[in-house]
Amino acid sequence: MKSKVPTHVGIIMDGNGRWAQQRGLPRVMGHKVGVESVRSVIRAARKVGVKYLTLYTFSSENWQRPAEEVGALMYMLRILLRREIKNLNHLGVQVRAIGELHLLPPDVLNILNHTVEETSKNDRLVLTLALSYGGRREIVSAVNKIIREGVKEVDEESFRRYLYDPDLPDVDLIIRTAGEYRLSNFLLWQSAYAELYFTSTLWPDFREEDFFRALEDYSKRVRKFGKVL
């Protein structure tokens, strides 16, 4: 791809349940097939030189879903992390995670921490999994850290140091699948000037060519950041 490439892409992976329901399958099957979309997008992002890819994997609100579905999602996360370490290292992908990670089942958290450690030296692509994540909660968490430290005043840059991952740069492009037009509490601080791309494609059907289509659309945008160009 010769067009300009965003440094940081965030994806709201929506439509797994609808994909399954349209086929008369249990909702969890949509999540299972959606894993291949994750693999495809990681390969595509690495191929074109995206440096940061953040996936909205499990929101803080998702805990309210039926226990059976939550359990299945946690099971798939365990399997995915176990199976993908070798491939992630091969691709040079560094895994990070943001969110209220302490709420994850202990065995999932252990596997996640192991994956983060095992891939920490990779430098081709930083893959951040937003798990048990909510943008408002991240901001509130940052404020509470500031209060506990007795800091009286902050600016935007010093505030960033209190976010879940201070090194995560602002988002250039947010992609949302399944025809929904909202951010759903995703990276609220980091996406202040993000370009937004919405597609009706359901996440399990989203593949490399869909990702490239979003990047092509992004390359045609004129980003002013509030200025007059």
Protein backbone atom coordinates (compact mmCIF):
# COMPACT_ATOMS: atom_id res chain seq x y z
CA MET A 1 0.00 0.00 0.00
CA LYS A 2 1.55 3.30 -1.16
CA SER A 3 -0.95 5.61 0.56
CA LYS A 4 -0.13 7.24 3.89
CA VAL A 5 -0.44 4.76 6.73
CA PRO A 6 -1.77 5.61 10.20
CA THR A 7 0.61 5.00 13.08
CA HIS A 8 -2.11 3.78 15.46
CA VAL A 9 -5.30 2.00 14.44
CA GLY A 10 -8.02 1.05 16.90
CA ILE A 11 -10.76 -1.43 15.99
CA ILE A 12 -14.16 -1.93 17.59
CA MET A 13 -14.84 -5.52 16.58
CA ASP A 14 -18.63 -5.67 16.38
CA GLY A 15 -21.11 -8.11 14.87
CA ASN A 16 -20.00 -11.53 16.11
CA GLY A 17 -23.38 -12.32 17.64
CA ARG A 18 -25.35 -11.13 14.62
CA TRP A 19 -23.12 -13.15 12.29
CA ALA A 20 -23.91 -16.31 14.26
CA GLN A 21 -27.63 -15.58 14.59
CA GLN A 22 -27.97 -15.03 10.84
CA ARG A 23 -26.69 -18.58 10.40
CA GLY A 24 -28.76 -20.13 13.16
CA LEU A 25 -25.65 -20.73 15.26
CA PRO A 26 -24.91 -20.01 18.94
CA ARG A 27 -23.50 -16.51 19.48
CA VAL A 28 -20.22 -17.95 20.65
CA MET A 29 -19.57 -19.32 17.15
CA GLY A 30 -19.39 -15.75 15.88
CA HIS A 31 -16.66 -15.01 18.41
CA LYS A 32 -14.82 -18.16 17.38
CA VAL A 33 -14.84 -17.27 13.66
CA GLY A 34 -13.94 -13.69 14.56
CA VAL A 35 -10.57 -14.93 15.80
CA GLU A 36 -9.53 -15.50 12.18
CA SER A 37 -10.39 -11.87 11.46
CA VAL A 38 -8.03 -10.89 14.28
CA ARG A 39 -5.26 -12.95 12.73
CA SER A 40 -5.91 -11.45 9.29
CA VAL A 41 -5.87 -7.86 10.56
CA ILE A 42 -2.66 -8.39 12.55
CA ARG A 43 -0.92 -9.68 9.43
CA ALA A 44 -2.30 -6.83 7.33
CA ALA A 45 -1.29 -4.14 9.83
CA ARG A 46 2.22 -5.51 10.05
CA LYS A 47 2.47 -5.77 6.27
CA VAL A 48 1.72 -2.08 5.63
CA GLY A 49 3.70 -0.68 8.55
CA VAL A 50 1.06 0.20 11.14
CA LYS A 51 3.01 0.51 14.40
CA TYR A 52 0.18 0.23 16.93
CA LEU A 53 -3.00 -1.81 16.68
CA THR A 54 -5.51 -1.72 19.55
CA LEU A 55 -8.42 -4.16 19.58
CA TYR A 56 -11.53 -3.63 21.71
CA THR A 57 -11.56 -7.22 22.87
CA PHE A 58 -13.82 -7.17 25.93
CA SER A 59 -15.44 -4.05 27.36
CA SER A 60 -16.19 -3.35 31.01
CA GLU A 61 -19.88 -3.56 30.06
CA ASN A 62 -19.44 -7.00 28.50
CA TRP A 63 -19.35 -8.54 31.99
CA GLN A 64 -23.13 -8.03 31.98
CA ARG A 65 -23.61 -10.53 29.15
CA PRO A 66 -24.93 -14.04 29.93
CA ALA A 67 -22.49 -16.01 32.06
CA GLU A 68 -22.28 -18.75 29.43
CA GLU A 69 -21.15 -16.28 26.75
CA VAL A 70 -18.65 -14.57 29.07
CA GLY A 71 -17.24 -17.96 30.03
CA ALA A 72 -16.89 -18.94 26.37
CA LEU A 73 -15.13 -15.68 25.58
CA MET A 74 -12.65 -16.19 28.41
CA TYR A 75 -12.05 -19.76 27.23
CA MET A 76 -11.30 -18.57 23.69
CA LEU A 77 -8.98 -15.89 25.03
CA ARG A 78 -7.04 -18.56 26.94
CA ILE A 79 -6.73 -20.75 23.85
CA LEU A 80 -5.84 -17.87 21.55
CA LEU A 81 -3.07 -16.58 23.80
CA ARG A 82 -1.60 -20.06 24.28
CA ARG A 83 -1.64 -20.94 20.59
CA GLU A 84 -0.55 -17.61 19.16
CA ILE A 85 2.64 -16.84 21.09
CA LYS A 86 4.89 -18.60 18.59
CA ASN A 87 3.26 -16.90 15.63
CA LEU A 88 3.27 -13.49 17.31
CA ASN A 89 7.00 -13.83 18.00
CA HIS A 90 7.55 -14.91 14.41
CA LEU A 91 5.75 -11.79 13.17
CA GLY A 92 7.54 -9.53 15.64
CA VAL A 93 4.32 -8.56 17.42
CA GLN A 94 4.53 -7.20 20.96
CA VAL A 95 1.39 -7.78 23.04
CA ARG A 96 0.15 -5.33 25.65
CA ALA A 97 -3.14 -5.11 27.54
CA ILE A 98 -5.15 -2.26 29.03
CA GLY A 99 -8.22 -2.25 31.25
CA GLU A 100 -9.26 -3.48 34.67
CA LEU A 101 -7.20 -6.58 34.20
CA HIS A 102 -7.55 -7.66 37.82
CA LEU A 103 -11.18 -8.57 37.03
CA LEU A 104 -10.11 -11.29 34.59
CA PRO A 105 -10.15 -14.91 35.79
CA PRO A 106 -6.77 -15.66 37.45
CA ASP A 107 -5.73 -18.27 34.88
CA VAL A 108 -6.57 -15.89 31.99
CA LEU A 109 -4.57 -13.12 33.66
CA ASN A 110 -1.62 -15.47 34.16
CA ILE A 111 -1.63 -16.49 30.49
CA LEU A 112 -2.00 -12.86 29.44
CA ASN A 113 0.94 -11.77 31.60
CA HIS A 114 3.02 -14.61 30.19
CA THR A 115 2.19 -13.55 26.63
CA VAL A 116 3.07 -9.93 27.39
CA GLU A 117 6.40 -10.98 28.86
CA GLU A 118 7.26 -13.45 26.08
CA THR A 119 6.61 -10.88 23.34
CA SER A 120 8.00 -7.81 25.11
CA LYS A 121 11.11 -7.53 22.93
CA ASN A 122 9.24 -7.63 19.60
CA ASP A 123 9.20 -4.34 17.71
CA ARG A 124 7.37 -4.73 14.39
CA LEU A 125 3.88 -4.08 15.75
CA VAL A 126 2.45 -3.29 19.19
CA LEU A 127 -0.83 -5.16 19.61
CA THR A 128 -2.84 -3.84 22.56
CA LEU A 129 -5.80 -5.84 23.81
CA ALA A 130 -8.43 -3.71 25.54
CA LEU A 131 -9.79 -6.18 28.12
CA SER A 132 -12.36 -5.38 30.78
CA TYR A 133 -11.85 -1.91 29.37
CA GLY A 134 -13.89 1.28 29.46
CA GLY A 135 -12.69 4.71 28.38
CA ARG A 136 -14.49 6.53 31.18
CA ARG A 137 -13.10 4.13 33.76
CA GLU A 138 -9.60 4.72 32.42
CA ILE A 139 -9.99 8.48 32.88
CA VAL A 140 -11.50 8.09 36.36
CA SER A 141 -8.69 5.70 37.29
CA ALA A 142 -6.15 8.29 36.15
CA VAL A 143 -7.81 11.02 38.24
CA ASN A 144 -7.80 8.79 41.32
CA LYS A 145 -4.08 8.07 40.85
CA ILE A 146 -3.44 11.80 40.67
CA ILE A 147 -5.43 12.38 43.87
CA ARG A 148 -3.58 9.61 45.71
CA GLU A 149 -0.25 11.17 44.73
CA GLY A 150 -1.37 14.57 45.99
CA VAL A 151 -0.72 16.25 42.64
CA LYS A 152 -2.42 19.66 42.57
CA GLU A 153 -2.32 20.41 38.86
CA VAL A 154 -1.72 18.57 35.59
CA ASP A 155 -1.66 19.42 31.92
CA GLU A 156 -2.57 17.11 29.04
CA GLU A 157 0.87 15.57 28.76
CA SER A 158 1.32 14.93 32.48
CA PHE A 159 -2.24 13.53 32.68
CA ARG A 160 -1.31 10.97 30.02
CA ARG A 161 1.21 9.44 32.41
CA TYR A 162 -1.66 8.19 34.56
CA LEU A 163 -3.51 6.34 31.80
CA TYR A 164 -3.41 2.53 31.60
CA ASP A 165 -0.58 2.66 29.06
CA PRO A 166 1.12 6.08 28.97
CA ASP A 167 3.23 5.03 25.98
CA LEU A 168 0.22 4.30 23.79
CA PRO A 169 0.04 7.17 21.25
CA ASP A 170 -3.14 8.91 20.21
CA VAL A 171 -5.28 6.96 17.76
CA ASP A 172 -5.11 8.03 14.12
CA LEU A 173 -7.92 5.82 12.83
CA ILE A 174 -10.77 3.97 14.54
CA ILE A 175 -12.56 1.27 12.54
CA ARG A 176 -15.94 -0.03 13.65
CA THR A 177 -17.64 -2.97 11.98
CA ALA A 178 -21.27 -4.14 11.75
CA GLY A 179 -22.86 -0.83 10.78
CA GLU A 180 -22.84 0.81 14.20
CA TYR A 181 -21.91 4.50 14.48
CA ARG A 182 -20.57 5.11 17.98
CA LEU A 183 -17.37 4.78 20.00
CA SER A 184 -18.93 2.72 22.80
CA ASN A 185 -16.52 4.00 25.46
CA PHE A 186 -13.40 3.05 23.48
CA LEU A 187 -10.16 5.03 23.96
CA LEU A 188 -12.01 8.25 24.72
CA TRP A 189 -8.90 10.21 25.73
CA GLN A 190 -6.65 8.85 22.98
CA SER A 191 -9.19 9.30 20.16
CA ALA A 192 -9.82 13.04 20.52
CA TYR A 193 -8.70 13.65 16.93
CA ALA A 194 -9.05 10.16 15.49
CA GLU A 195 -10.53 9.67 12.04
CA LEU A 196 -13.56 7.36 12.16
CA TYR A 197 -14.36 4.65 9.63
CA PHE A 198 -17.58 2.66 9.77
CA THR A 199 -18.41 -0.42 7.73
CA SER A 200 -21.49 -2.65 7.60
CA THR A 201 -19.27 -5.75 7.35
CA LEU A 202 -19.70 -8.00 10.39
CA TRP A 203 -16.48 -8.69 12.24
CA PRO A 204 -16.23 -12.43 11.37
CA ASP A 205 -16.32 -11.44 7.67
CA PHE A 206 -13.73 -8.65 8.05
CA ARG A 207 -10.46 -9.57 6.36
CA GLU A 208 -7.27 -8.04 4.99
CA GLU A 209 -8.95 -6.38 2.00
CA ASP A 210 -11.49 -4.71 4.31
CA PHE A 211 -8.67 -3.39 6.47
CA PHE A 212 -6.86 -2.03 3.43
CA ARG A 213 -10.09 -0.37 2.27
CA ALA A 214 -10.31 1.46 5.58
CA LEU A 215 -6.70 2.58 5.32
CA GLU A 216 -7.26 3.77 1.75
CA ASP A 217 -10.19 5.87 2.95
CA TYR A 218 -8.04 7.26 5.76
CA SER A 219 -5.32 8.27 3.30
CA LYS A 220 -7.78 10.61 1.58
CA ARG A 221 -8.66 12.49 4.77
CA VAL A 222 -7.19 15.92 5.53
CA ARG A 223 -6.36 16.05 9.24
CA LYS A 224 -6.44 19.63 10.52
CA PHE A 225 -6.31 19.09 14.31
CA GLY A 226 -8.38 22.26 14.74
CA LYS A 227 -6.09 24.34 12.52
CA VAL A 228 -6.67 25.99 9.16
CA LEU A 229 -4.52 24.42 6.46
